[in-house]
Amino acid sequence: MSQRVVSTLENMNVEELRDLLRDTLKKEEAMRIKLSSQDAKIKALEQELKKSKEVRGYALKESEKILDDAKRNADRIVNESLIRAEKVEMESFLLRKNIDILKDKLKKAIDEKILDVESK
């Protein structure tokens, strides 16, 4: 202890020393309670941090699954669209071909009618 503290303690009577010790013990007890409370808060925060890390991990895994599903679905949709486009293209080709055939038949029929009319 410093010389000043020792001289102050020597000048105190027994009652003053008891009061000083009581105040010191009360402060020490209050500090222990506060420390205990802070330790409990730290433990609770550590538990929350652990849970949030677990939730984050689950969320990351779930987001990866969702992205994988979306990629698969996108590939499937693209493939189906390509198949439909090919089908439409084929149908369009067949329609054009049928139109050309009908034009030819109509032209032949008209030519035959013209010949019939001219021959009469």
PDB file of N, CA and C in Angstrom:
ATOM      1  N   MET A   1       0.838  -1.182   0.000  1.00  0.00           N
ATOM      2  CA  MET A   1       0.000   0.000   0.000  1.00  0.00           C
ATOM      3  C   MET A   1       0.878   1.239   0.000  1.00  0.00           C
ATOM      4  N   SER A   2       0.321   2.298  -0.518  1.00  0.00           N
ATOM      5  CA  SER A   2       1.097   3.536  -0.544  1.00  0.00           C
ATOM      6  C   SER A   2       1.131   4.134   0.866  1.00  0.00           C
ATOM      7  N   GLN A   3       2.097   4.971   1.105  1.00  0.00           N
ATOM      8  CA  GLN A   3       2.304   5.594   2.422  1.00  0.00           C
ATOM      9  C   GLN A   3       1.087   6.417   2.821  1.00  0.00           C
ATOM     10  N   ARG A   4       0.455   7.092   1.874  1.00  0.00           N
ATOM     11  CA  ARG A   4      -0.688   7.954   2.162  1.00  0.00           C
ATOM     12  C   ARG A   4      -1.875   7.123   2.648  1.00  0.00           C
ATOM     13  N   VAL A   5      -2.118   5.951   1.995  1.00  0.00           N
ATOM     14  CA  VAL A   5      -3.229   5.092   2.381  1.00  0.00           C
ATOM     15  C   VAL A   5      -2.997   4.548   3.781  1.00  0.00           C
ATOM     16  N   VAL A   6      -1.758   4.128   4.066  1.00  0.00           N
ATOM     17  CA  VAL A   6      -1.440   3.583   5.386  1.00  0.00           C
ATOM     18  C   VAL A   6      -1.653   4.640   6.461  1.00  0.00           C
ATOM     19  N   SER A   7      -1.229   5.841   6.207  1.00  0.00           N
ATOM     20  CA  SER A   7      -1.392   6.893   7.221  1.00  0.00           C
ATOM     21  C   SER A   7      -2.866   7.238   7.409  1.00  0.00           C
ATOM     22  N   THR A   8      -3.662   7.178   6.325  1.00  0.00           N
ATOM     23  CA  THR A   8      -5.088   7.450   6.433  1.00  0.00           C
ATOM     24  C   THR A   8      -5.761   6.351   7.244  1.00  0.00           C
ATOM     25  N   LEU A   9      -5.384   5.101   7.005  1.00  0.00           N
ATOM     26  CA  LEU A   9      -5.959   3.983   7.742  1.00  0.00           C
ATOM     27  C   LEU A   9      -5.589   4.056   9.228  1.00  0.00           C
ATOM     28  N   GLU A  10      -4.380   4.462   9.509  1.00  0.00           N
ATOM     29  CA  GLU A  10      -3.937   4.560  10.903  1.00  0.00           C
ATOM     30  C   GLU A  10      -4.713   5.629  11.656  1.00  0.00           C
ATOM     31  N   ASN A  11      -5.157   6.659  10.960  1.00  0.00           N
ATOM     32  CA  ASN A  11      -5.873   7.755  11.593  1.00  0.00           C
ATOM     33  C   ASN A  11      -7.368   7.457  11.770  1.00  0.00           C
ATOM     34  N   MET A  12      -7.827   6.360  11.237  1.00  0.00           N
ATOM     35  CA  MET A  12      -9.252   6.021  11.319  1.00  0.00           C
ATOM     36  C   MET A  12      -9.519   5.222  12.587  1.00  0.00           C
ATOM     37  N   ASN A  13     -10.713   5.420  13.121  1.00  0.00           N
ATOM     38  CA  ASN A  13     -11.083   4.609  14.272  1.00  0.00           C
ATOM     39  C   ASN A  13     -11.675   3.294  13.782  1.00  0.00           C
ATOM     40  N   VAL A  14     -11.983   2.413  14.672  1.00  0.00           N
ATOM     41  CA  VAL A  14     -12.449   1.071  14.339  1.00  0.00           C
ATOM     42  C   VAL A  14     -13.777   1.134  13.577  1.00  0.00           C
ATOM     43  N   GLU A  15     -14.643   1.990  13.983  1.00  0.00           N
ATOM     44  CA  GLU A  15     -15.951   2.106  13.325  1.00  0.00           C
ATOM     45  C   GLU A  15     -15.800   2.582  11.880  1.00  0.00           C
ATOM     46  N   GLU A  16     -14.927   3.538  11.665  1.00  0.00           N
ATOM     47  CA  GLU A  16     -14.680   4.036  10.302  1.00  0.00           C
ATOM     48  C   GLU A  16     -14.070   2.936   9.426  1.00  0.00           C
ATOM     49  N   LEU A  17     -13.166   2.147  10.021  1.00  0.00           N
ATOM     50  CA  LEU A  17     -12.561   1.036   9.278  1.00  0.00           C
ATOM     51  C   LEU A  17     -13.619  -0.004   8.910  1.00  0.00           C
ATOM     52  N   ARG A  18     -14.520  -0.290   9.864  1.00  0.00           N
ATOM     53  CA  ARG A  18     -15.593  -1.254   9.578  1.00  0.00           C
ATOM     54  C   ARG A  18     -16.493  -0.741   8.447  1.00  0.00           C
ATOM     55  N   ASP A  19     -16.840   0.560   8.508  1.00  0.00           N
ATOM     56  CA  ASP A  19     -17.668   1.159   7.449  1.00  0.00           C
ATOM     57  C   ASP A  19     -16.959   1.075   6.101  1.00  0.00           C
ATOM     58  N   LEU A  20     -15.661   1.365   6.117  1.00  0.00           N
ATOM     59  CA  LEU A  20     -14.875   1.293   4.880  1.00  0.00           C
ATOM     60  C   LEU A  20     -14.856  -0.140   4.345  1.00  0.00           C
ATOM     61  N   LEU A  21     -14.662  -1.114   5.229  1.00  0.00           N
ATOM     62  CA  LEU A  21     -14.651  -2.519   4.807  1.00  0.00           C
ATOM     63  C   LEU A  21     -16.026  -2.945   4.303  1.00  0.00           C
ATOM     64  N   ARG A  22     -17.099  -2.537   5.011  1.00  0.00           N
ATOM     65  CA  ARG A  22     -18.461  -2.858   4.552  1.00  0.00           C
ATOM     66  C   ARG A  22     -18.733  -2.286   3.164  1.00  0.00           C
ATOM     67  N   ASP A  23     -18.369  -1.015   2.952  1.00  0.00           N
ATOM     68  CA  ASP A  23     -18.560  -0.382   1.648  1.00  0.00           C
ATOM     69  C   ASP A  23     -17.745  -1.104   0.573  1.00  0.00           C
ATOM     70  N   THR A  24     -16.522  -1.464   0.935  1.00  0.00           N
ATOM     71  CA  THR A  24     -15.657  -2.165  -0.019  1.00  0.00           C
ATOM     72  C   THR A  24     -16.248  -3.530  -0.359  1.00  0.00           C
ATOM     73  N   LEU A  25     -16.741  -4.253   0.649  1.00  0.00           N
ATOM     74  CA  LEU A  25     -17.363  -5.567   0.409  1.00  0.00           C
ATOM     75  C   LEU A  25     -18.636  -5.439  -0.431  1.00  0.00           C
ATOM     76  N   LYS A  26     -19.445  -4.402  -0.148  1.00  0.00           N
ATOM     77  CA  LYS A  26     -20.661  -4.191  -0.942  1.00  0.00           C
ATOM     78  C   LYS A  26     -20.305  -3.924  -2.404  1.00  0.00           C
ATOM     79  N   LYS A  27     -19.306  -3.085  -2.597  1.00  0.00           N
ATOM     80  CA  LYS A  27     -18.883  -2.781  -3.980  1.00  0.00           C
ATOM     81  C   LYS A  27     -18.345  -4.034  -4.668  1.00  0.00           C
ATOM     82  N   GLU A  28     -17.574  -4.817  -3.897  1.00  0.00           N
ATOM     83  CA  GLU A  28     -17.014  -6.049  -4.461  1.00  0.00           C
ATOM     84  C   GLU A  28     -18.131  -7.030  -4.818  1.00  0.00           C
ATOM     85  N   GLU A  29     -19.152  -7.141  -3.959  1.00  0.00           N
ATOM     86  CA  GLU A  29     -20.288  -8.032  -4.213  1.00  0.00           C
ATOM     87  C   GLU A  29     -21.085  -7.554  -5.434  1.00  0.00           C
ATOM     88  N   ALA A  30     -21.286  -6.250  -5.527  1.00  0.00           N
ATOM     89  CA  ALA A  30     -21.997  -5.686  -6.681  1.00  0.00           C
ATOM     90  C   ALA A  30     -21.227  -5.975  -7.967  1.00  0.00           C
ATOM     91  N   MET A  31     -19.900  -5.870  -7.886  1.00  0.00           N
ATOM     92  CA  MET A  31     -19.062  -6.157  -9.056  1.00  0.00           C
ATOM     93  C   MET A  31     -19.142  -7.634  -9.430  1.00  0.00           C
ATOM     94  N   ARG A  32     -19.183  -8.514  -8.437  1.00  0.00           N
ATOM     95  CA  ARG A  32     -19.319  -9.949  -8.714  1.00  0.00           C
ATOM     96  C   ARG A  32     -20.660 -10.255  -9.382  1.00  0.00           C
ATOM     97  N   ILE A  33     -21.720  -9.638  -8.860  1.00  0.00           N
ATOM     98  CA  ILE A  33     -23.059  -9.844  -9.447  1.00  0.00           C
ATOM     99  C   ILE A  33     -23.077  -9.347 -10.890  1.00  0.00           C
ATOM    100  N   LYS A  34     -22.511  -8.161 -11.102  1.00  0.00           N
ATOM    101  CA  LYS A  34     -22.464  -7.594 -12.445  1.00  0.00           C
ATOM    102  C   LYS A  34     -21.648  -8.495 -13.380  1.00  0.00           C
ATOM    103  N   LEU A  35     -20.527  -9.004 -12.897  1.00  0.00           N
ATOM    104  CA  LEU A  35     -19.686  -9.904 -13.681  1.00  0.00           C
ATOM    105  C   LEU A  35     -20.430 -11.194 -14.011  1.00  0.00           C
ATOM    106  N   SER A  36     -21.140 -11.725 -13.038  1.00  0.00           N
ATOM    107  CA  SER A  36     -21.918 -12.944 -13.252  1.00  0.00           C
ATOM    108  C   SER A  36     -23.006 -12.707 -14.299  1.00  0.00           C
ATOM    109  N   SER A  37     -23.666 -11.557 -14.189  1.00  0.00           N
ATOM    110  CA  SER A  37     -24.704 -11.200 -15.157  1.00  0.00           C
ATOM    111  C   SER A  37     -24.106 -11.060 -16.558  1.00  0.00           C
ATOM    112  N   GLN A  38     -22.949 -10.436 -16.642  1.00  0.00           N
ATOM    113  CA  GLN A  38     -22.299 -10.266 -17.945  1.00  0.00           C
ATOM    114  C   GLN A  38     -21.855 -11.612 -18.514  1.00  0.00           C
ATOM    115  N   ASP A  39     -21.381 -12.499 -17.649  1.00  0.00           N
ATOM    116  CA  ASP A  39     -21.007 -13.844 -18.105  1.00  0.00           C
ATOM    117  C   ASP A  39     -22.222 -14.574 -18.678  1.00  0.00           C
ATOM    118  N   ALA A  40     -23.369 -14.437 -18.006  1.00  0.00           N
ATOM    119  CA  ALA A  40     -24.591 -15.082 -18.494  1.00  0.00           C
ATOM    120  C   ALA A  40     -24.990 -14.503 -19.850  1.00  0.00           C
ATOM    121  N   LYS A  41     -24.878 -13.170 -19.988  1.00  0.00           N
ATOM    122  CA  LYS A  41     -25.205 -12.539 -21.265  1.00  0.00           C
ATOM    123  C   LYS A  41     -24.255 -13.026 -22.362  1.00  0.00           C
ATOM    124  N   ILE A  42     -22.981 -13.141 -22.035  1.00  0.00           N
ATOM    125  CA  ILE A  42     -21.995 -13.614 -23.018  1.00  0.00           C
ATOM    126  C   ILE A  42     -22.329 -15.033 -23.464  1.00  0.00           C
ATOM    127  N   LYS A  43     -22.674 -15.897 -22.506  1.00  0.00           N
ATOM    128  CA  LYS A  43     -23.032 -17.273 -22.853  1.00  0.00           C
ATOM    129  C   LYS A  43     -24.277 -17.315 -23.729  1.00  0.00           C
ATOM    130  N   ALA A  44     -25.265 -16.488 -23.402  1.00  0.00           N
ATOM    131  CA  ALA A  44     -26.498 -16.434 -24.201  1.00  0.00           C
ATOM    132  C   ALA A  44     -26.183 -15.943 -25.614  1.00  0.00           C
ATOM    133  N   LEU A  45     -25.340 -14.930 -25.719  1.00  0.00           N
ATOM    134  CA  LEU A  45     -24.957 -14.413 -27.041  1.00  0.00           C
ATOM    135  C   LEU A  45     -24.169 -15.454 -27.841  1.00  0.00           C
ATOM    136  N   GLU A  46     -23.319 -16.200 -27.142  1.00  0.00           N
ATOM    137  CA  GLU A  46     -22.568 -17.259 -27.830  1.00  0.00           C
ATOM    138  C   GLU A  46     -23.519 -18.331 -28.372  1.00  0.00           C
ATOM    139  N   GLN A  47     -24.551 -18.676 -27.589  1.00  0.00           N
ATOM    140  CA  GLN A  47     -25.545 -19.648 -28.045  1.00  0.00           C
ATOM    141  C   GLN A  47     -26.313 -19.107 -29.261  1.00  0.00           C
ATOM    142  N   GLU A  48     -26.700 -17.844 -29.196  1.00  0.00           N
ATOM    143  CA  GLU A  48     -27.402 -17.239 -30.328  1.00  0.00           C
ATOM    144  C   GLU A  48     -26.519 -17.213 -31.565  1.00  0.00           C
ATOM    145  N   LEU A  49     -25.242 -16.906 -31.385  1.00  0.00           N
ATOM    146  CA  LEU A  49     -24.306 -16.896 -32.505  1.00  0.00           C
ATOM    147  C   LEU A  49     -24.181 -18.288 -33.119  1.00  0.00           C
ATOM    148  N   LYS A  50     -24.112 -19.291 -32.256  1.00  0.00           N
ATOM    149  CA  LYS A  50     -24.019 -20.669 -32.742  1.00  0.00           C
ATOM    150  C   LYS A  50     -25.269 -21.030 -33.549  1.00  0.00           C
ATOM    151  N   LYS A  51     -26.443 -20.682 -33.020  1.00  0.00           N
ATOM    152  CA  LYS A  51     -27.696 -20.968 -33.722  1.00  0.00           C
ATOM    153  C   LYS A  51     -27.758 -20.227 -35.050  1.00  0.00           C
ATOM    154  N   SER A  52     -27.336 -18.960 -35.046  1.00  0.00           N
ATOM    155  CA  SER A  52     -27.394 -18.180 -36.289  1.00  0.00           C
ATOM    156  C   SER A  52     -26.443 -18.758 -37.332  1.00  0.00           C
ATOM    157  N   LYS A  53     -25.296 -19.276 -36.894  1.00  0.00           N
ATOM    158  CA  LYS A  53     -24.373 -19.923 -37.834  1.00  0.00           C
ATOM    159  C   LYS A  53     -25.000 -21.192 -38.411  1.00  0.00           C
ATOM    160  N   GLU A  54     -25.705 -21.949 -37.574  1.00  0.00           N
ATOM    161  CA  GLU A  54     -26.389 -23.152 -38.051  1.00  0.00           C
ATOM    162  C   GLU A  54     -27.474 -22.785 -39.066  1.00  0.00           C
ATOM    163  N   VAL A  55     -28.261 -21.762 -38.734  1.00  0.00           N
ATOM    164  CA  VAL A  55     -29.327 -21.322 -39.634  1.00  0.00           C
ATOM    165  C   VAL A  55     -28.729 -20.843 -40.953  1.00  0.00           C
ATOM    166  N   ARG A  56     -27.640 -20.115 -40.862  1.00  0.00           N
ATOM    167  CA  ARG A  56     -26.964 -19.625 -42.077  1.00  0.00           C
ATOM    168  C   ARG A  56     -26.500 -20.802 -42.926  1.00  0.00           C
ATOM    169  N   GLY A  57     -25.940 -21.811 -42.274  1.00  0.00           N
ATOM    170  CA  GLY A  57     -25.496 -23.000 -43.001  1.00  0.00           C
ATOM    171  C   GLY A  57     -26.649 -23.696 -43.690  1.00  0.00           C
ATOM    172  N   TYR A  58     -27.766 -23.861 -42.983  1.00  0.00           N
ATOM    173  CA  TYR A  58     -28.947 -24.474 -43.586  1.00  0.00           C
ATOM    174  C   TYR A  58     -29.457 -23.621 -44.752  1.00  0.00           C
ATOM    175  N   ALA A  59     -29.460 -22.309 -44.556  1.00  0.00           N
ATOM    176  CA  ALA A  59     -29.946 -21.409 -45.607  1.00  0.00           C
ATOM    177  C   ALA A  59     -29.057 -21.500 -46.849  1.00  0.00           C
ATOM    178  N   LEU A  60     -27.748 -21.582 -46.652  1.00  0.00           N
ATOM    179  CA  LEU A  60     -26.841 -21.708 -47.794  1.00  0.00           C
ATOM    180  C   LEU A  60     -27.079 -23.016 -48.542  1.00  0.00           C
ATOM    181  N   LYS A  61     -27.253 -24.103 -47.793  1.00  0.00           N
ATOM    182  CA  LYS A  61     -27.520 -25.391 -48.438  1.00  0.00           C
ATOM    183  C   LYS A  61     -28.842 -25.340 -49.206  1.00  0.00           C
ATOM    184  N   GLU A  62     -29.851 -24.754 -48.595  1.00  0.00           N
ATOM    185  CA  GLU A  62     -31.160 -24.664 -49.241  1.00  0.00           C
ATOM    186  C   GLU A  62     -31.082 -23.793 -50.493  1.00  0.00           C
ATOM    187  N   SER A  63     -30.343 -22.695 -50.410  1.00  0.00           N
ATOM    188  CA  SER A  63     -30.220 -21.825 -51.586  1.00  0.00           C
ATOM    189  C   SER A  63     -29.488 -22.547 -52.716  1.00  0.00           C
ATOM    190  N   GLU A  64     -28.497 -23.365 -52.374  1.00  0.00           N
ATOM    191  CA  GLU A  64     -27.802 -24.150 -53.397  1.00  0.00           C
ATOM    192  C   GLU A  64     -28.755 -25.147 -54.046  1.00  0.00           C
ATOM    193  N   LYS A  65     -29.607 -25.781 -53.242  1.00  0.00           N
ATOM    194  CA  LYS A  65     -30.599 -26.713 -53.795  1.00  0.00           C
ATOM    195  C   LYS A  65     -31.557 -25.981 -54.733  1.00  0.00           C
ATOM    196  N   ILE A  66     -32.011 -24.818 -54.310  1.00  0.00           N
ATOM    197  CA  ILE A  66     -32.947 -24.039 -55.118  1.00  0.00           C
ATOM    198  C   ILE A  66     -32.301 -23.651 -56.444  1.00  0.00           C
ATOM    199  N   LEU A  67     -31.035 -23.213 -56.382  1.00  0.00           N
ATOM    200  CA  LEU A  67     -30.330 -22.844 -57.612  1.00  0.00           C
ATOM    201  C   LEU A  67     -30.152 -24.045 -58.531  1.00  0.00           C
ATOM    202  N   ASP A  68     -29.808 -25.187 -57.958  1.00  0.00           N
ATOM    203  CA  ASP A  68     -29.659 -26.401 -58.767  1.00  0.00           C
ATOM    204  C   ASP A  68     -30.981 -26.776 -59.432  1.00  0.00           C
ATOM    205  N   ASP A  69     -32.062 -26.718 -58.660  1.00  0.00           N
ATOM    206  CA  ASP A  69     -33.388 -27.016 -59.221  1.00  0.00           C
ATOM    207  C   ASP A  69     -33.739 -26.031 -60.335  1.00  0.00           C
ATOM    208  N   ALA A  70     -33.438 -24.763 -60.102  1.00  0.00           N
ATOM    209  CA  ALA A  70     -33.746 -23.741 -61.109  1.00  0.00           C
ATOM    210  C   ALA A  70     -32.952 -23.996 -62.396  1.00  0.00           C
ATOM    211  N   LYS A  71     -31.681 -24.389 -62.250  1.00  0.00           N
ATOM    212  CA  LYS A  71     -30.862 -24.690 -63.435  1.00  0.00           C
ATOM    213  C   LYS A  71     -31.426 -25.887 -64.185  1.00  0.00           C
ATOM    214  N   ARG A  72     -31.792 -26.925 -63.446  1.00  0.00           N
ATOM    215  CA  ARG A  72     -32.374 -28.108 -64.093  1.00  0.00           C
ATOM    216  C   ARG A  72     -33.678 -27.743 -64.799  1.00  0.00           C
ATOM    217  N   ASN A  73     -34.507 -26.971 -64.113  1.00  0.00           N
ATOM    218  CA  ASN A  73     -35.777 -26.559 -64.714  1.00  0.00           C
ATOM    219  C   ASN A  73     -35.541 -25.686 -65.948  1.00  0.00           C
ATOM    220  N   ALA A  74     -34.568 -24.812 -65.873  1.00  0.00           N
ATOM    221  CA  ALA A  74     -34.266 -23.952 -67.018  1.00  0.00           C
ATOM    222  C   ALA A  74     -33.804 -24.799 -68.202  1.00  0.00           C
ATOM    223  N   ASP A  75     -32.940 -25.773 -67.938  1.00  0.00           N
ATOM    224  CA  ASP A  75     -32.491 -26.662 -69.011  1.00  0.00           C
ATOM    225  C   ASP A  75     -33.666 -27.422 -69.622  1.00  0.00           C
ATOM    226  N   ARG A  76     -34.543 -27.905 -68.776  1.00  0.00           N
ATOM    227  CA  ARG A  76     -35.711 -28.649 -69.251  1.00  0.00           C
ATOM    228  C   ARG A  76     -36.603 -27.742 -70.094  1.00  0.00           C
ATOM    229  N   ILE A  77     -36.829 -26.529 -69.622  1.00  0.00           N
ATOM    230  CA  ILE A  77     -37.683 -25.588 -70.351  1.00  0.00           C
ATOM    231  C   ILE A  77     -37.065 -25.251 -71.709  1.00  0.00           C
ATOM    232  N   VAL A  78     -35.761 -25.037 -71.723  1.00  0.00           N
ATOM    233  CA  VAL A  78     -35.087 -24.729 -72.991  1.00  0.00           C
ATOM    234  C   VAL A  78     -35.219 -25.913 -73.947  1.00  0.00           C
ATOM    235  N   ASN A  79     -34.989 -27.108 -73.434  1.00  0.00           N
ATOM    236  CA  ASN A  79     -35.104 -28.293 -74.291  1.00  0.00           C
ATOM    237  C   ASN A  79     -36.528 -28.456 -74.828  1.00  0.00           C
ATOM    238  N   GLU A  80     -37.509 -28.286 -73.966  1.00  0.00           N
ATOM    239  CA  GLU A  80     -38.899 -28.389 -74.409  1.00  0.00           C
ATOM    240  C   GLU A  80     -39.222 -27.320 -75.443  1.00  0.00           C
ATOM    241  N   SER A  81     -38.688 -26.121 -75.249  1.00  0.00           N
ATOM    242  CA  SER A  81     -38.925 -25.038 -76.205  1.00  0.00           C
ATOM    243  C   SER A  81     -38.292 -25.355 -77.554  1.00  0.00           C
ATOM    244  N   LEU A  82     -37.103 -25.924 -77.523  1.00  0.00           N
ATOM    245  CA  LEU A  82     -36.451 -26.303 -78.782  1.00  0.00           C
ATOM    246  C   LEU A  82     -37.256 -27.368 -79.517  1.00  0.00           C
ATOM    247  N   ILE A  83     -37.756 -28.336 -78.769  1.00  0.00           N
ATOM    248  CA  ILE A  83     -38.571 -29.399 -79.375  1.00  0.00           C
ATOM    249  C   ILE A  83     -39.845 -28.797 -79.974  1.00  0.00           C
ATOM    250  N   ARG A  84     -40.495 -27.895 -79.242  1.00  0.00           N
ATOM    251  CA  ARG A  84     -41.707 -27.247 -79.760  1.00  0.00           C
ATOM    252  C   ARG A  84     -41.386 -26.420 -81.009  1.00  0.00           C
ATOM    253  N   ALA A  85     -40.270 -25.719 -80.974  1.00  0.00           N
ATOM    254  CA  ALA A  85     -39.885 -24.899 -82.130  1.00  0.00           C
ATOM    255  C   ALA A  85     -39.662 -25.787 -83.351  1.00  0.00           C
ATOM    256  N   GLU A  86     -38.995 -26.924 -83.154  1.00  0.00           N
ATOM    257  CA  GLU A  86     -38.788 -27.857 -84.269  1.00  0.00           C
ATOM    258  C   GLU A  86     -40.136 -28.372 -84.794  1.00  0.00           C
ATOM    259  N   LYS A  87     -41.037 -28.676 -83.872  1.00  0.00           N
ATOM    260  CA  LYS A  87     -42.361 -29.175 -84.261  1.00  0.00           C
ATOM    261  C   LYS A  87     -43.114 -28.112 -85.064  1.00  0.00           C
ATOM    262  N   VAL A  88     -43.094 -26.879 -84.593  1.00  0.00           N
ATOM    263  CA  VAL A  88     -43.774 -25.782 -85.290  1.00  0.00           C
ATOM    264  C   VAL A  88     -43.142 -25.572 -86.667  1.00  0.00           C
ATOM    265  N   GLU A  89     -41.821 -25.648 -86.718  1.00  0.00           N
ATOM    266  CA  GLU A  89     -41.120 -25.493 -87.995  1.00  0.00           C
ATOM    267  C   GLU A  89     -41.536 -26.598 -88.966  1.00  0.00           C
ATOM    268  N   MET A  90     -41.630 -27.818 -88.479  1.00  0.00           N
ATOM    269  CA  MET A  90     -42.046 -28.947 -89.322  1.00  0.00           C
ATOM    270  C   MET A  90     -43.482 -28.763 -89.796  1.00  0.00           C
ATOM    271  N   GLU A  91     -44.359 -28.353 -88.873  1.00  0.00           N
ATOM    272  CA  GLU A  91     -45.753 -28.117 -89.251  1.00  0.00           C
ATOM    273  C   GLU A  91     -45.843 -27.001 -90.293  1.00  0.00           C
ATOM    274  N   SER A  92     -45.059 -25.958 -90.119  1.00  0.00           N
ATOM    275  CA  SER A  92     -45.037 -24.855 -91.069  1.00  0.00           C
ATOM    276  C   SER A  92     -44.573 -25.338 -92.436  1.00  0.00           C
ATOM    277  N   PHE A  93     -43.534 -26.162 -92.461  1.00  0.00           N
ATOM    278  CA  PHE A  93     -43.030 -26.727 -93.718  1.00  0.00           C
ATOM    279  C   PHE A  93     -44.116 -27.557 -94.404  1.00  0.00           C
ATOM    280  N   LEU A  94     -44.799 -28.408 -93.620  1.00  0.00           N
ATOM    281  CA  LEU A  94     -45.853 -29.244 -94.189  1.00  0.00           C
ATOM    282  C   LEU A  94     -47.014 -28.395 -94.722  1.00  0.00           C
ATOM    283  N   LEU A  95     -47.369 -27.340 -93.993  1.00  0.00           N
ATOM    284  CA  LEU A  95     -48.438 -26.452 -94.464  1.00  0.00           C
ATOM    285  C   LEU A  95     -48.045 -25.784 -95.776  1.00  0.00           C
ATOM    286  N   ARG A  96     -46.809 -25.294 -95.864  1.00  0.00           N
ATOM    287  CA  ARG A  96     -46.355 -24.682 -97.118  1.00  0.00           C
ATOM    288  C   ARG A  96     -46.395 -25.688 -98.259  1.00  0.00           C
ATOM    289  N   LYS A  97     -45.956 -26.909 -97.959  1.00  0.00           N
ATOM    290  CA  LYS A  97     -45.961 -27.963 -98.983  1.00  0.00           C
ATOM    291  C   LYS A  97     -47.394 -28.258 -99.436  1.00  0.00           C
ATOM    292  N   ASN A  98     -48.329 -28.379 -98.461  1.00  0.00           N
ATOM    293  CA  ASN A  98     -49.734 -28.626 -98.792  1.00  0.00           C
ATOM    294  C   ASN A  98     -50.336 -27.466 -99.591  1.00  0.00           C
ATOM    295  N   ILE A  99     -49.955 -26.249 -99.244  1.00  0.00           N
ATOM    296  CA  ILE A  99     -50.452 -25.083 -99.986  1.00  0.00           C
ATOM    297  C   ILE A  99     -49.954 -25.149-101.431  1.00  0.00           C
ATOM    298  N   ASP A 100     -48.683 -25.492-101.603  1.00  0.00           N
ATOM    299  CA  ASP A 100     -48.135 -25.604-102.962  1.00  0.00           C
ATOM    300  C   ASP A 100     -48.858 -26.686-103.750  1.00  0.00           C
ATOM    301  N   ILE A 101     -49.146 -27.819-103.091  1.00  0.00           N
ATOM    302  CA  ILE A 101     -49.866 -28.910-103.762  1.00  0.00           C
ATOM    303  C   ILE A 101     -51.269 -28.440-104.152  1.00  0.00           C
ATOM    304  N   LEU A 102     -51.946 -27.756-103.221  1.00  0.00           N
ATOM    305  CA  LEU A 102     -53.292 -27.249-103.506  1.00  0.00           C
ATOM    306  C   LEU A 102     -53.269 -26.228-104.634  1.00  0.00           C
ATOM    307  N   LYS A 103     -52.248 -25.368-104.672  1.00  0.00           N
ATOM    308  CA  LYS A 103     -52.122 -24.393-105.752  1.00  0.00           C
ATOM    309  C   LYS A 103     -51.993 -25.102-107.100  1.00  0.00           C
ATOM    310  N   ASP A 104     -51.121 -26.127-107.087  1.00  0.00           N
ATOM    311  CA  ASP A 104     -50.932 -26.877-108.330  1.00  0.00           C
ATOM    312  C   ASP A 104     -52.232 -27.538-108.773  1.00  0.00           C
ATOM    313  N   LYS A 105     -52.956 -28.159-107.848  1.00  0.00           N
ATOM    314  CA  LYS A 105     -54.224 -28.815-108.192  1.00  0.00           C
ATOM    315  C   LYS A 105     -55.231 -27.794-108.701  1.00  0.00           C
ATOM    316  N   LEU A 106     -55.294 -26.646-107.992  1.00  0.00           N
ATOM    317  CA  LEU A 106     -56.224 -25.603-108.396  1.00  0.00           C
ATOM    318  C   LEU A 106     -55.866 -25.070-109.790  1.00  0.00           C
ATOM    319  N   LYS A 107     -54.596 -24.873-110.048  1.00  0.00           N
ATOM    320  CA  LYS A 107     -54.133 -24.385-111.346  1.00  0.00           C
ATOM    321  C   LYS A 107     -54.492 -25.391-112.447  1.00  0.00           C
ATOM    322  N   LYS A 108     -54.270 -26.685-112.157  1.00  0.00           N
ATOM    323  CA  LYS A 108     -54.605 -27.726-113.135  1.00  0.00           C
ATOM    324  C   LYS A 108     -56.106 -27.751-113.401  1.00  0.00           C
ATOM    325  N   ALA A 109     -56.883 -27.619-112.292  1.00  0.00           N
ATOM    326  CA  ALA A 109     -58.334 -27.643-112.445  1.00  0.00           C
ATOM    327  C   ALA A 109     -58.795 -26.447-113.260  1.00  0.00           C
ATOM    328  N   ILE A 110     -58.237 -25.291-113.004  1.00  0.00           N
ATOM    329  CA  ILE A 110     -58.605 -24.080-113.747  1.00  0.00           C
ATOM    330  C   ILE A 110     -58.199 -24.223-115.215  1.00  0.00           C
ATOM    331  N   ASP A 111     -56.979 -24.731-115.450  1.00  0.00           N
ATOM    332  CA  ASP A 111     -56.507 -24.940-116.826  1.00  0.00           C
ATOM    333  C   ASP A 111     -57.418 -25.912-117.561  1.00  0.00           C
ATOM    334  N   GLU A 112     -57.848 -26.978-116.868  1.00  0.00           N
ATOM    335  CA  GLU A 112     -58.751 -27.961-117.499  1.00  0.00           C
ATOM    336  C   GLU A 112     -60.097 -27.311-117.829  1.00  0.00           C
ATOM    337  N   LYS A 113     -60.607 -26.474-116.922  1.00  0.00           N
ATOM    338  CA  LYS A 113     -61.884 -25.801-117.158  1.00  0.00           C
ATOM    339  C   LYS A 113     -61.752 -24.833-118.341  1.00  0.00           C
ATOM    340  N   ILE A 114     -60.622 -24.130-118.388  1.00  0.00           N
ATOM    341  CA  ILE A 114     -60.405 -23.193-119.497  1.00  0.00           C
ATOM    342  C   ILE A 114     -60.368 -23.961-120.819  1.00  0.00           C
ATOM    343  N   LEU A 115     -59.690 -25.108-120.810  1.00  0.00           N
ATOM    344  CA  LEU A 115     -59.627 -25.924-122.014  1.00  0.00           C
ATOM    345  C   LEU A 115     -61.016 -26.431-122.404  1.00  0.00           C
ATOM    346  N   ASP A 116     -61.794 -26.843-121.402  1.00  0.00           N
ATOM    347  CA  ASP A 116     -63.162 -27.319-121.667  1.00  0.00           C
ATOM    348  C   ASP A 116     -64.001 -26.204-122.293  1.00  0.00           C
ATOM    349  N   VAL A 117     -63.880 -25.014-121.682  1.00  0.00           N
ATOM    350  CA  VAL A 117     -64.672 -23.882-122.167  1.00  0.00           C
ATOM    351  C   VAL A 117     -64.241 -23.515-123.592  1.00  0.00           C
ATOM    352  N   GLU A 118     -62.962 -23.505-123.859  1.00  0.00           N
ATOM    353  CA  GLU A 118     -62.447 -23.149-125.176  1.00  0.00           C
ATOM    354  C   GLU A 118     -62.801 -24.216-126.210  1.00  0.00           C
ATOM    355  N   SER A 119     -62.850 -25.460-125.787  1.00  0.00           N
ATOM    356  CA  SER A 119     -63.159 -26.529-126.738  1.00  0.00           C
ATOM    357  C   SER A 119     -64.643 -26.564-127.091  1.00  0.00           C
ATOM    358  N   LYS A 120     -65.492 -25.989-126.374  1.00  0.00           N
ATOM    359  CA  LYS A 120     -66.944 -26.010-126.661  1.00  0.00           C
ATOM    360  C   LYS A 120     -67.336 -24.928-127.534  1.00  0.00           C
TER     361      LYS A 120
END
